[in-house]
Structures are given as structure tokens and as C-alpha cells.
N, C-alpha and C. Protein backbone atom coordinates (compact mmCIF):
# COMPACT_ATOMS: atom_id res chain seq x y z
N MET A 1 97.83 176.55 166.80
CA MET A 1 98.85 175.70 166.20
C MET A 1 98.49 175.42 164.74
N ILE A 2 99.49 175.37 163.90
CA ILE A 2 99.29 175.12 162.48
C ILE A 2 99.10 173.63 162.25
N ASP A 3 98.14 173.28 161.39
CA ASP A 3 97.94 171.89 161.00
C ASP A 3 98.83 171.61 159.79
N PHE A 4 99.96 170.96 160.04
CA PHE A 4 100.90 170.66 158.97
C PHE A 4 100.47 169.44 158.15
N LYS A 5 99.56 168.68 158.66
CA LYS A 5 99.16 167.44 158.00
C LYS A 5 98.00 167.69 157.05
N VAL A 6 98.31 168.39 155.98
CA VAL A 6 97.32 168.75 154.98
C VAL A 6 97.74 168.14 153.64
N HIS A 7 96.84 168.13 152.69
CA HIS A 7 97.12 167.67 151.34
C HIS A 7 97.44 168.91 150.51
N LEU A 8 98.59 168.93 149.87
CA LEU A 8 99.02 170.07 149.05
C LEU A 8 99.16 169.61 147.61
N GLU A 9 98.72 170.45 146.68
CA GLU A 9 98.91 170.08 145.28
C GLU A 9 98.81 171.29 144.36
N ASN A 10 99.39 171.11 143.18
CA ASN A 10 99.23 172.07 142.09
C ASN A 10 99.00 171.25 140.82
N ASP A 11 99.20 171.83 139.66
CA ASP A 11 98.95 171.11 138.42
C ASP A 11 99.97 170.01 138.14
N ILE A 12 101.13 170.07 138.80
CA ILE A 12 102.23 169.16 138.48
C ILE A 12 102.41 168.06 139.51
N VAL A 13 102.37 168.42 140.79
CA VAL A 13 102.62 167.43 141.84
C VAL A 13 101.55 167.47 142.91
N SER A 14 101.48 166.37 143.62
CA SER A 14 100.60 166.25 144.78
C SER A 14 101.47 165.83 145.95
N LEU A 15 101.33 166.52 147.08
CA LEU A 15 102.04 166.16 148.30
C LEU A 15 101.04 165.57 149.27
N VAL A 16 101.21 164.30 149.57
CA VAL A 16 100.31 163.60 150.48
C VAL A 16 101.10 163.16 151.70
N GLN A 17 100.42 162.99 152.82
CA GLN A 17 101.10 162.54 154.02
C GLN A 17 101.77 161.19 153.75
N THR A 18 103.04 161.10 154.09
CA THR A 18 103.78 159.86 153.89
C THR A 18 103.18 158.76 154.75
N GLN A 19 103.03 157.60 154.13
CA GLN A 19 102.52 156.42 154.82
C GLN A 19 103.52 155.29 154.64
N GLU A 20 103.42 154.31 155.51
CA GLU A 20 104.32 153.16 155.46
C GLU A 20 104.35 152.52 154.08
N ASN A 21 103.21 152.43 153.42
CA ASN A 21 103.18 151.76 152.11
C ASN A 21 103.85 152.58 151.00
N HIS A 22 104.35 153.76 151.30
CA HIS A 22 105.09 154.57 150.33
C HIS A 22 106.58 154.20 150.31
N PHE A 23 107.02 153.43 151.31
CA PHE A 23 108.46 153.19 151.46
C PHE A 23 109.11 152.63 150.19
N GLU A 24 108.53 151.61 149.61
CA GLU A 24 109.15 150.98 148.44
C GLU A 24 109.34 151.99 147.30
N GLY A 25 108.31 152.78 147.02
CA GLY A 25 108.41 153.79 145.97
C GLY A 25 109.43 154.87 146.30
N LEU A 26 109.48 155.27 147.57
CA LEU A 26 110.46 156.27 147.99
C LEU A 26 111.88 155.73 147.89
N TYR A 27 112.06 154.47 148.29
CA TYR A 27 113.40 153.90 148.21
C TYR A 27 113.83 153.73 146.75
N THR A 28 112.91 153.43 145.88
CA THR A 28 113.23 153.30 144.46
C THR A 28 113.85 154.59 143.92
N VAL A 29 113.33 155.74 144.33
CA VAL A 29 113.89 157.00 143.85
C VAL A 29 115.04 157.50 144.72
N GLY A 30 115.16 157.02 145.95
CA GLY A 30 116.20 157.51 146.86
C GLY A 30 117.42 156.62 146.99
N MET A 31 117.44 155.50 146.28
CA MET A 31 118.54 154.55 146.44
C MET A 31 119.77 154.86 145.58
N ASN A 32 119.71 155.92 144.81
CA ASN A 32 120.83 156.31 143.97
C ASN A 32 121.86 157.07 144.82
N PRO A 33 123.08 156.55 144.98
CA PRO A 33 124.08 157.22 145.82
C PRO A 33 124.41 158.64 145.38
N VAL A 34 124.27 158.94 144.10
CA VAL A 34 124.60 160.27 143.58
C VAL A 34 123.72 161.34 144.25
N ILE A 35 122.48 161.00 144.55
CA ILE A 35 121.56 161.96 145.19
C ILE A 35 122.13 162.45 146.51
N TRP A 36 122.83 161.59 147.23
CA TRP A 36 123.27 161.89 148.59
C TRP A 36 124.73 162.32 148.68
N GLU A 37 125.44 162.44 147.56
CA GLU A 37 126.87 162.76 147.58
C GLU A 37 127.21 164.03 148.35
N GLN A 38 126.38 165.06 148.26
CA GLN A 38 126.68 166.32 148.92
C GLN A 38 125.86 166.51 150.20
N HIS A 39 125.23 165.46 150.64
CA HIS A 39 124.42 165.51 151.86
C HIS A 39 125.28 165.10 153.05
N LEU A 40 124.94 165.56 154.23
CA LEU A 40 125.70 165.17 155.43
C LEU A 40 125.69 163.66 155.64
N ASP A 41 124.56 163.01 155.34
CA ASP A 41 124.46 161.56 155.46
C ASP A 41 124.64 160.95 154.07
N LYS A 42 125.90 160.79 153.67
CA LYS A 42 126.21 160.32 152.33
C LYS A 42 125.78 158.87 152.09
N ASP A 43 125.55 158.14 153.15
CA ASP A 43 125.14 156.74 153.03
C ASP A 43 123.64 156.55 153.16
N ARG A 44 122.88 157.60 153.03
CA ARG A 44 121.42 157.48 153.18
C ARG A 44 120.81 156.59 152.09
N TRP A 45 121.48 156.41 150.99
CA TRP A 45 120.99 155.56 149.91
C TRP A 45 120.95 154.09 150.31
N LYS A 46 121.70 153.72 151.35
CA LYS A 46 121.69 152.32 151.82
C LYS A 46 120.36 152.04 152.53
N TRP A 47 119.85 150.83 152.32
CA TRP A 47 118.51 150.47 152.77
C TRP A 47 118.28 150.80 154.24
N ASN A 48 119.17 150.36 155.14
CA ASN A 48 118.97 150.59 156.59
C ASN A 48 118.95 152.07 156.93
N ASN A 49 119.83 152.84 156.33
CA ASN A 49 119.87 154.28 156.59
C ASN A 49 118.64 154.98 156.03
N PHE A 50 118.21 154.56 154.85
CA PHE A 50 117.02 155.16 154.25
C PHE A 50 115.78 154.80 155.07
N ARG A 51 115.75 153.57 155.55
CA ARG A 51 114.62 153.13 156.40
C ARG A 51 114.52 154.01 157.64
N LYS A 52 115.67 154.29 158.26
CA LYS A 52 115.69 155.15 159.45
C LYS A 52 115.22 156.56 159.11
N TYR A 53 115.62 157.06 157.96
CA TYR A 53 115.21 158.40 157.50
C TYR A 53 113.70 158.47 157.31
N ILE A 54 113.13 157.49 156.65
CA ILE A 54 111.68 157.48 156.42
C ILE A 54 110.93 157.26 157.73
N ASP A 55 111.43 156.40 158.59
CA ASP A 55 110.79 156.21 159.90
C ASP A 55 110.76 157.53 160.68
N GLY A 56 111.84 158.30 160.59
CA GLY A 56 111.87 159.61 161.23
C GLY A 56 110.81 160.54 160.66
N GLY A 57 110.59 160.45 159.36
CA GLY A 57 109.54 161.24 158.74
C GLY A 57 108.16 160.82 159.19
N LEU A 58 107.95 159.52 159.30
CA LEU A 58 106.65 159.02 159.75
C LEU A 58 106.35 159.46 161.18
N ASP A 59 107.39 159.62 161.98
CA ASP A 59 107.23 160.05 163.38
C ASP A 59 107.24 161.57 163.55
N ASN A 60 107.46 162.30 162.47
CA ASN A 60 107.61 163.75 162.52
C ASN A 60 106.26 164.42 162.77
N LYS A 61 106.11 165.06 163.92
CA LYS A 61 104.83 165.70 164.25
C LYS A 61 104.53 166.89 163.36
N GLU A 62 105.55 167.48 162.72
CA GLU A 62 105.32 168.60 161.82
C GLU A 62 104.83 168.16 160.44
N GLY A 63 104.93 166.88 160.16
CA GLY A 63 104.43 166.37 158.89
C GLY A 63 105.53 165.96 157.93
N CYS A 64 105.27 164.92 157.20
CA CYS A 64 106.18 164.41 156.18
C CYS A 64 105.33 164.10 154.95
N PHE A 65 105.80 164.52 153.80
CA PHE A 65 105.02 164.37 152.58
C PHE A 65 105.72 163.49 151.56
N THR A 66 104.94 162.69 150.86
CA THR A 66 105.40 161.97 149.69
C THR A 66 104.99 162.80 148.48
N ILE A 67 105.93 163.02 147.57
CA ILE A 67 105.67 163.84 146.39
C ILE A 67 105.33 162.91 145.22
N ILE A 68 104.18 163.15 144.62
CA ILE A 68 103.70 162.31 143.52
C ILE A 68 103.59 163.17 142.26
N ASP A 69 104.22 162.70 141.19
CA ASP A 69 104.09 163.35 139.88
C ASP A 69 102.70 163.02 139.35
N LYS A 70 101.89 164.02 139.16
CA LYS A 70 100.50 163.79 138.77
C LYS A 70 100.36 163.28 137.34
N GLU A 71 101.29 163.64 136.46
CA GLU A 71 101.18 163.20 135.07
C GLU A 71 101.40 161.69 134.93
N ILE A 72 102.38 161.16 135.67
CA ILE A 72 102.69 159.73 135.56
C ILE A 72 102.19 158.94 136.77
N ASN A 73 101.65 159.65 137.77
CA ASN A 73 101.11 159.04 138.99
C ASN A 73 102.14 158.14 139.68
N LYS A 74 103.36 158.67 139.83
CA LYS A 74 104.43 157.92 140.50
C LYS A 74 105.09 158.79 141.56
N ILE A 75 105.59 158.12 142.59
CA ILE A 75 106.34 158.79 143.65
C ILE A 75 107.66 159.29 143.07
N ILE A 76 107.96 160.57 143.35
CA ILE A 76 109.22 161.14 142.86
C ILE A 76 110.08 161.70 143.99
N GLY A 77 109.59 161.65 145.23
CA GLY A 77 110.41 162.16 146.32
C GLY A 77 109.63 162.35 147.59
N THR A 78 110.29 162.98 148.54
CA THR A 78 109.70 163.26 149.84
C THR A 78 110.22 164.59 150.36
N THR A 79 109.47 165.20 151.22
CA THR A 79 109.88 166.44 151.88
C THR A 79 109.18 166.49 153.22
N ARG A 80 109.67 167.31 154.11
CA ARG A 80 109.04 167.42 155.42
C ARG A 80 109.32 168.76 156.04
N TYR A 81 108.51 169.08 157.01
CA TYR A 81 108.74 170.26 157.84
C TYR A 81 109.67 169.85 158.98
N TYR A 82 110.44 170.80 159.46
CA TYR A 82 111.26 170.60 160.66
C TYR A 82 110.93 171.70 161.64
N SER A 83 111.04 171.38 162.91
CA SER A 83 110.85 172.43 163.91
C SER A 83 112.06 173.35 163.87
N PHE A 84 111.87 174.59 164.25
CA PHE A 84 112.95 175.57 164.23
C PHE A 84 112.99 176.26 165.58
N ASN A 85 114.17 176.30 166.15
CA ASN A 85 114.36 176.99 167.42
C ASN A 85 115.59 177.88 167.27
N GLN A 86 115.38 179.18 167.22
CA GLN A 86 116.45 180.16 167.03
C GLN A 86 117.57 179.96 168.06
N GLU A 87 117.22 179.59 169.27
CA GLU A 87 118.20 179.43 170.34
C GLU A 87 119.12 178.24 170.12
N GLU A 88 118.72 177.30 169.27
CA GLU A 88 119.55 176.13 169.02
C GLU A 88 120.58 176.35 167.91
N LEU A 89 120.56 177.53 167.29
CA LEU A 89 121.52 177.80 166.20
C LEU A 89 122.91 178.02 166.73
């Protein structure tokens, strides 16, 4: 089995495992409604919906990462792995 819970980085960004204390920084960058206009969950910018999204990431066994801009040392986003099952397509 692949260990998805690793630390990833290059010269520009660092991807660290998302932790509860990242929520405020993640919400600061994710609360702009424009970000979610073309997303299936257009209301994800709302606090309760965003909270549910981040909680899902924290519970994600494949891993959820907080993206940190290394130059300014600030949270700039999040990403995660999802399981894939060809039969579910």
C-alpha cells in the first residue's frame, strides 16, 4: 500500500498533512465565492460548508495536504488524494 501521508515540497511550495489548526488559514483563502463559481458545490465558501469540506479532508485516509507558499510562509490552499474505482464511473 502507498503511504500517502508524506511531506512534499519543491522550491516554491510545501505540502504538509492538513491539521485542525490549519482551518483558519484555509478558510481565509477559500472564503471567496468567486473561487467556487464553477465548482459543483458553489456554496463551499460559506463557513459551514467549508468546515464540512475540511473535515472530510481530515478524515481522508488517502491524505489531505495544506499548501504553504515557502517565500511568504502562508497557507495558499489545499489538495487531497481521492480513491478511484473504475467500476464506479
